[in-house]
């Protein structure tokens, strides 16, 4: 069984990986300014390093894909609209997922 992980441990991990300070209320991906392959790599690294399953995680529901990032129209839309609508989750939710051992969508 995994040890209980707290917000401080995940915040420290994210700071080391990304150089960004976060709190339990920080929102992913918005506050980390991360999408595409970088976001996918981060989630896979988190899953491996904290030993939890991403089998129920739908990457494209939360982060822009490389295809979306490379689409000129979507980039224009992103600039004009400020955001392509995606789901979000907090660092606290990520901690809860780690402690549960598998991804579950936020309520």
C-alpha atoms as a PDB file:
ATOM      1  CA  UNK A   1       0.000   0.000   0.000  1.00  0.00           C
ATOM      2  CA  UNK A   2       1.204   3.506  -0.818  1.00  0.00           C
ATOM      3  CA  UNK A   3       2.055   6.012   1.882  1.00  0.00           C
ATOM      4  CA  UNK A   4      -0.415   8.872   2.192  1.00  0.00           C
ATOM      5  CA  UNK A   5       0.687  11.740  -0.060  1.00  0.00           C
ATOM      6  CA  UNK A   6       0.003  15.340   0.954  1.00  0.00           C
ATOM      7  CA  UNK A   7      -0.308  18.583  -1.002  1.00  0.00           C
ATOM      8  CA  UNK A   8       3.177  19.713   0.002  1.00  0.00           C
ATOM      9  CA  UNK A   9       4.778  16.622  -1.540  1.00  0.00           C
ATOM     10  CA  UNK A  10       2.891  17.079  -4.830  1.00  0.00           C
ATOM     11  CA  UNK A  11       3.547  20.843  -4.838  1.00  0.00           C
ATOM     12  CA  UNK A  12       7.269  20.227  -4.337  1.00  0.00           C
ATOM     13  CA  UNK A  13       7.230  17.645  -7.138  1.00  0.00           C
ATOM     14  CA  UNK A  14       5.515  20.085  -9.535  1.00  0.00           C
ATOM     15  CA  UNK A  15       7.950  22.847  -8.588  1.00  0.00           C
ATOM     16  CA  UNK A  16      10.927  20.587  -9.332  1.00  0.00           C
ATOM     17  CA  UNK A  17       9.409  19.435 -12.651  1.00  0.00           C
ATOM     18  CA  UNK A  18       8.020  22.775 -13.869  1.00  0.00           C
ATOM     19  CA  UNK A  19       9.510  25.528 -11.722  1.00  0.00           C
ATOM     20  CA  UNK A  20       6.016  26.726 -10.778  1.00  0.00           C
ATOM     21  CA  UNK A  21       4.777  27.098  -7.220  1.00  0.00           C
ATOM     22  CA  UNK A  22       1.277  25.736  -6.663  1.00  0.00           C
ATOM     23  CA  UNK A  23      -1.214  25.438  -3.825  1.00  0.00           C
ATOM     24  CA  UNK A  24      -3.975  22.904  -3.253  1.00  0.00           C
ATOM     25  CA  UNK A  25      -6.370  25.285  -5.048  1.00  0.00           C
ATOM     26  CA  UNK A  26      -4.151  25.633  -8.138  1.00  0.00           C
ATOM     27  CA  UNK A  27      -5.982  24.529 -11.259  1.00  0.00           C
ATOM     28  CA  UNK A  28      -4.547  22.237 -13.896  1.00  0.00           C
ATOM     29  CA  UNK A  29      -3.863  22.947 -16.683  1.00  0.00           C
ATOM     30  CA  UNK A  30      -4.581  26.681 -16.283  1.00  0.00           C
ATOM     31  CA  UNK A  31      -2.155  27.568 -13.487  1.00  0.00           C
ATOM     32  CA  UNK A  32       0.615  25.334 -14.828  1.00  0.00           C
ATOM     33  CA  UNK A  33       0.310  26.694 -18.391  1.00  0.00           C
ATOM     34  CA  UNK A  34       0.904  23.228 -19.789  1.00  0.00           C
ATOM     35  CA  UNK A  35      -0.727  21.281 -22.617  1.00  0.00           C
ATOM     36  CA  UNK A  36       0.113  18.791 -25.332  1.00  0.00           C
ATOM     37  CA  UNK A  37       3.013  16.397 -25.006  1.00  0.00           C
ATOM     38  CA  UNK A  38       4.370  18.291 -21.976  1.00  0.00           C
ATOM     39  CA  UNK A  39       1.117  17.740 -20.071  1.00  0.00           C
ATOM     40  CA  UNK A  40       0.915  14.117 -21.144  1.00  0.00           C
ATOM     41  CA  UNK A  41       4.504  13.510 -20.027  1.00  0.00           C
ATOM     42  CA  UNK A  42       3.831  15.206 -16.693  1.00  0.00           C
ATOM     43  CA  UNK A  43       0.737  13.072 -16.023  1.00  0.00           C
ATOM     44  CA  UNK A  44       2.586   9.874 -16.973  1.00  0.00           C
ATOM     45  CA  UNK A  45       5.539  10.850 -14.756  1.00  0.00           C
ATOM     46  CA  UNK A  46       3.179  11.615 -11.862  1.00  0.00           C
ATOM     47  CA  UNK A  47       1.458   8.265 -12.365  1.00  0.00           C
ATOM     48  CA  UNK A  48       4.763   6.408 -12.355  1.00  0.00           C
ATOM     49  CA  UNK A  49       6.429   8.331  -9.534  1.00  0.00           C
ATOM     50  CA  UNK A  50       3.367   8.272  -7.255  1.00  0.00           C
ATOM     51  CA  UNK A  51       2.152   4.830  -8.342  1.00  0.00           C
ATOM     52  CA  UNK A  52      -1.416   5.468  -9.482  1.00  0.00           C
ATOM     53  CA  UNK A  53      -3.395   4.353 -12.523  1.00  0.00           C
ATOM     54  CA  UNK A  54      -4.413   6.662 -15.355  1.00  0.00           C
ATOM     55  CA  UNK A  55      -6.545   4.016 -17.084  1.00  0.00           C
ATOM     56  CA  UNK A  56      -9.706   6.115 -16.596  1.00  0.00           C
ATOM     57  CA  UNK A  57      -8.016   9.437 -17.417  1.00  0.00           C
ATOM     58  CA  UNK A  58      -9.112  10.993 -20.721  1.00  0.00           C
ATOM     59  CA  UNK A  59      -6.197  13.293 -21.563  1.00  0.00           C
ATOM     60  CA  UNK A  60      -8.050  15.221 -24.276  1.00  0.00           C
ATOM     61  CA  UNK A  61     -10.830  16.162 -21.820  1.00  0.00           C
ATOM     62  CA  UNK A  62      -8.379  18.146 -19.682  1.00  0.00           C
ATOM     63  CA  UNK A  63      -5.502  19.225 -21.910  1.00  0.00           C
ATOM     64  CA  UNK A  64      -5.105  20.472 -25.463  1.00  0.00           C
ATOM     65  CA  UNK A  65      -3.653  17.765 -27.675  1.00  0.00           C
ATOM     66  CA  UNK A  66      -0.709  18.337 -30.008  1.00  0.00           C
ATOM     67  CA  UNK A  67      -3.185  18.281 -32.888  1.00  0.00           C
ATOM     68  CA  UNK A  68      -5.244  21.049 -31.290  1.00  0.00           C
ATOM     69  CA  UNK A  69      -2.110  23.039 -30.538  1.00  0.00           C
ATOM     70  CA  UNK A  70      -0.959  22.716 -34.146  1.00  0.00           C
ATOM     71  CA  UNK A  71      -4.284  23.745 -35.667  1.00  0.00           C
ATOM     72  CA  UNK A  72      -4.020  27.388 -36.779  1.00  0.00           C
ATOM     73  CA  UNK A  73      -7.764  27.964 -36.527  1.00  0.00           C
ATOM     74  CA  UNK A  74      -7.848  26.663 -32.969  1.00  0.00           C
ATOM     75  CA  UNK A  75      -4.866  28.826 -32.023  1.00  0.00           C
ATOM     76  CA  UNK A  76      -6.727  31.861 -33.393  1.00  0.00           C
ATOM     77  CA  UNK A  77      -9.863  30.743 -31.538  1.00  0.00           C
ATOM     78  CA  UNK A  78      -7.806  30.308 -28.346  1.00  0.00           C
ATOM     79  CA  UNK A  79      -6.418  33.843 -28.613  1.00  0.00           C
ATOM     80  CA  UNK A  80      -9.788  35.436 -29.404  1.00  0.00           C
ATOM     81  CA  UNK A  81     -11.851  33.435 -26.909  1.00  0.00           C
ATOM     82  CA  UNK A  82      -9.000  33.188 -24.389  1.00  0.00           C
ATOM     83  CA  UNK A  83      -9.759  29.525 -23.868  1.00  0.00           C
ATOM     84  CA  UNK A  84     -10.866  26.360 -25.577  1.00  0.00           C
ATOM     85  CA  UNK A  85     -13.252  24.779 -23.090  1.00  0.00           C
ATOM     86  CA  UNK A  86     -11.617  21.873 -21.273  1.00  0.00           C
ATOM     87  CA  UNK A  87     -12.252  20.281 -17.909  1.00  0.00           C
ATOM     88  CA  UNK A  88      -9.953  21.183 -15.034  1.00  0.00           C
ATOM     89  CA  UNK A  89      -8.826  19.737 -11.737  1.00  0.00           C
ATOM     90  CA  UNK A  90      -7.014  21.075  -8.697  1.00  0.00           C
ATOM     91  CA  UNK A  91      -3.769  20.007  -7.096  1.00  0.00           C
ATOM     92  CA  UNK A  92      -5.884  18.803  -4.156  1.00  0.00           C
ATOM     93  CA  UNK A  93      -7.826  16.541  -6.536  1.00  0.00           C
ATOM     94  CA  UNK A  94      -4.531  15.201  -7.867  1.00  0.00           C
ATOM     95  CA  UNK A  95      -3.472  14.404  -4.285  1.00  0.00           C
ATOM     96  CA  UNK A  96      -6.813  12.621  -3.733  1.00  0.00           C
ATOM     97  CA  UNK A  97      -6.263  10.607  -6.940  1.00  0.00           C
ATOM     98  CA  UNK A  98      -2.756   9.616  -5.856  1.00  0.00           C
ATOM     99  CA  UNK A  99      -4.045   8.472  -2.477  1.00  0.00           C
ATOM    100  CA  UNK A 100      -6.907   6.533  -4.126  1.00  0.00           C
ATOM    101  CA  UNK A 101      -4.438   4.787  -6.434  1.00  0.00           C
ATOM    102  CA  UNK A 102      -6.332   5.550  -9.645  1.00  0.00           C
ATOM    103  CA  UNK A 103      -7.707   8.481 -11.589  1.00  0.00           C
ATOM    104  CA  UNK A 104     -11.296   9.563 -10.977  1.00  0.00           C
ATOM    105  CA  UNK A 105     -12.954  12.637 -12.430  1.00  0.00           C
ATOM    106  CA  UNK A 106     -13.540  15.621 -10.152  1.00  0.00           C
ATOM    107  CA  UNK A 107     -17.091  16.143  -8.952  1.00  0.00           C
END
